[in-house]
Protein backbone atom coordinates (compact mmCIF):
# COMPACT_ATOMS: atom_id res chain seq x y z
CA MET A 1 3.35 -16.78 -8.49
CA ARG A 2 0.85 -15.31 -10.97
CA LEU A 3 1.55 -11.51 -11.21
CA LEU A 4 -0.85 -8.59 -11.98
CA GLN A 5 0.43 -6.37 -14.62
CA LEU A 6 -0.03 -2.55 -13.97
CA ILE A 7 0.34 -0.84 -17.33
CA VAL A 8 1.29 2.82 -17.14
CA CYS A 9 0.88 4.72 -20.32
CA SER A 10 2.31 8.01 -21.32
CA PRO A 11 2.66 9.91 -24.73
CA ILE A 12 6.39 9.19 -24.25
CA MET A 13 6.75 5.75 -22.89
CA ASP A 14 4.62 2.55 -22.26
CA THR A 15 5.76 0.71 -19.12
CA VAL A 16 4.55 -2.54 -17.87
CA LEU A 17 5.17 -2.96 -14.16
CA ARG A 18 4.42 -6.58 -12.77
CA LEU A 19 3.08 -6.56 -9.21
CA PRO A 20 1.87 -9.05 -6.99
CA PRO A 21 -2.17 -9.13 -7.26
CA TYR A 22 -2.42 -7.85 -3.52
CA HIS A 23 0.64 -5.85 -2.14
CA PRO A 24 -0.45 -3.74 1.20
CA ASP A 25 2.91 -1.88 0.76
CA LEU A 26 1.96 -0.52 -2.37
CA ASN A 27 -1.61 0.80 -1.01
CA PRO A 28 -1.29 3.47 1.65
CA ILE A 29 -4.85 2.90 2.87
CA GLU A 30 -3.81 -0.52 4.01
CA GLN A 31 -1.05 0.84 6.09
CA ILE A 32 -3.25 3.19 7.67
CA TRP A 33 -6.07 0.58 8.25
CA CYS A 34 -3.10 -1.43 10.04
CA THR A 35 -2.35 1.48 12.53
CA VAL A 36 -6.21 2.13 13.09
CA LYS A 37 -6.72 -1.59 13.88
CA THR A 38 -3.82 -1.58 16.12
CA ARG A 39 -5.08 1.44 18.15
CA ILE A 40 -8.63 -0.05 18.26
CA ALA A 41 -7.29 -3.39 19.69
CA ALA A 42 -5.46 -1.47 22.37
CA LYS A 43 -8.41 0.44 23.65
CA ASN A 44 -11.11 -2.04 22.98
CA VAL A 45 -12.31 -3.35 26.45
CA THR A 46 -15.92 -4.01 25.74
CA PHE A 47 -15.86 -5.81 22.42
CA LYS A 48 -19.27 -4.37 21.59
CA LEU A 49 -19.93 -3.41 18.04
CA GLN A 50 -21.11 0.17 18.70
CA ASP A 51 -17.84 0.82 20.92
CA VAL A 52 -15.73 -0.66 18.30
CA GLN A 53 -17.30 1.46 15.63
CA GLN A 54 -17.08 4.57 17.85
CA LEU A 55 -13.13 3.70 18.36
CA ALA A 56 -12.95 3.33 14.62
CA GLU A 57 -14.31 6.83 13.86
CA GLN A 58 -12.18 8.37 16.63
CA ASN A 59 -9.12 6.77 15.30
CA PHE A 60 -9.53 7.31 11.62
CA ALA A 61 -10.22 11.12 12.53
CA ALA A 62 -6.98 11.02 14.46
CA VAL A 63 -4.88 9.87 11.56
CA THR A 64 -2.53 13.00 10.97
CA MET A 65 -1.51 14.40 7.37
CA GLU A 66 2.12 13.41 8.64
CA GLU A 67 1.12 9.66 8.83
CA TRP A 68 -0.51 9.93 5.43
CA ALA A 69 2.46 11.54 3.99
CA ALA A 70 4.82 8.75 5.53
CA VAL A 71 2.73 5.82 4.32
CA CYS A 72 2.57 7.57 0.90
CA ARG A 73 6.42 8.09 0.77
CA HIS A 74 6.93 4.43 1.82
CA ALA A 75 4.64 3.16 -1.14
CA LYS A 76 6.24 5.46 -3.46
CA THR A 77 9.72 3.94 -2.40
CA VAL A 78 8.39 0.37 -2.75
CA GLU A 79 7.08 1.03 -6.04
CA GLU A 80 10.35 2.65 -7.21
CA GLU A 81 12.22 -0.45 -6.01
CA TYR A 82 9.81 -2.58 -8.11
CA MET A 83 10.21 -0.54 -11.25
CA SER A 84 14.09 -0.59 -10.76
CA ARG A 85 14.08 -4.58 -10.49
CA GLU A 86 11.76 -4.74 -13.46
CA HIS A 87 14.04 -2.38 -15.54
CA ASP A 88 17.06 -4.19 -14.36
CA GLY A 89 15.49 -7.61 -15.44
CA GLN A 90 14.55 -6.17 -18.98
CA ARG A 91 18.13 -4.87 -19.37
CA HIS A 92 19.53 -8.40 -18.40
CA GLY A 93 16.89 -10.19 -21.00
CA LYS A 94 14.84 -11.68 -18.20
CA ASN A 95 11.45 -12.42 -19.24
CA HIS A 96 8.82 -12.19 -16.34
CA ASN A 97 5.86 -13.59 -18.57
């Protein structure tokens, strides 16, 4: 699988983290979008564009700070797991190029 490299640079350290090109677990908005789509699907009875748009607006507005915090924590946890695997691989001489 071709991997996208995310380069994080700081004055102290340069780190290359190899990630899949598309990874919804690392993008909190993807998790929120999934939640909103599920809510819309449960309430959509007319299947009219205007009604779906209204449901989308209502459901995006209903997303709580707690939901955002939870998906951001999840993304951070997944990111840390990737970093740990990457660093373990580097310590054991594995090359991911």
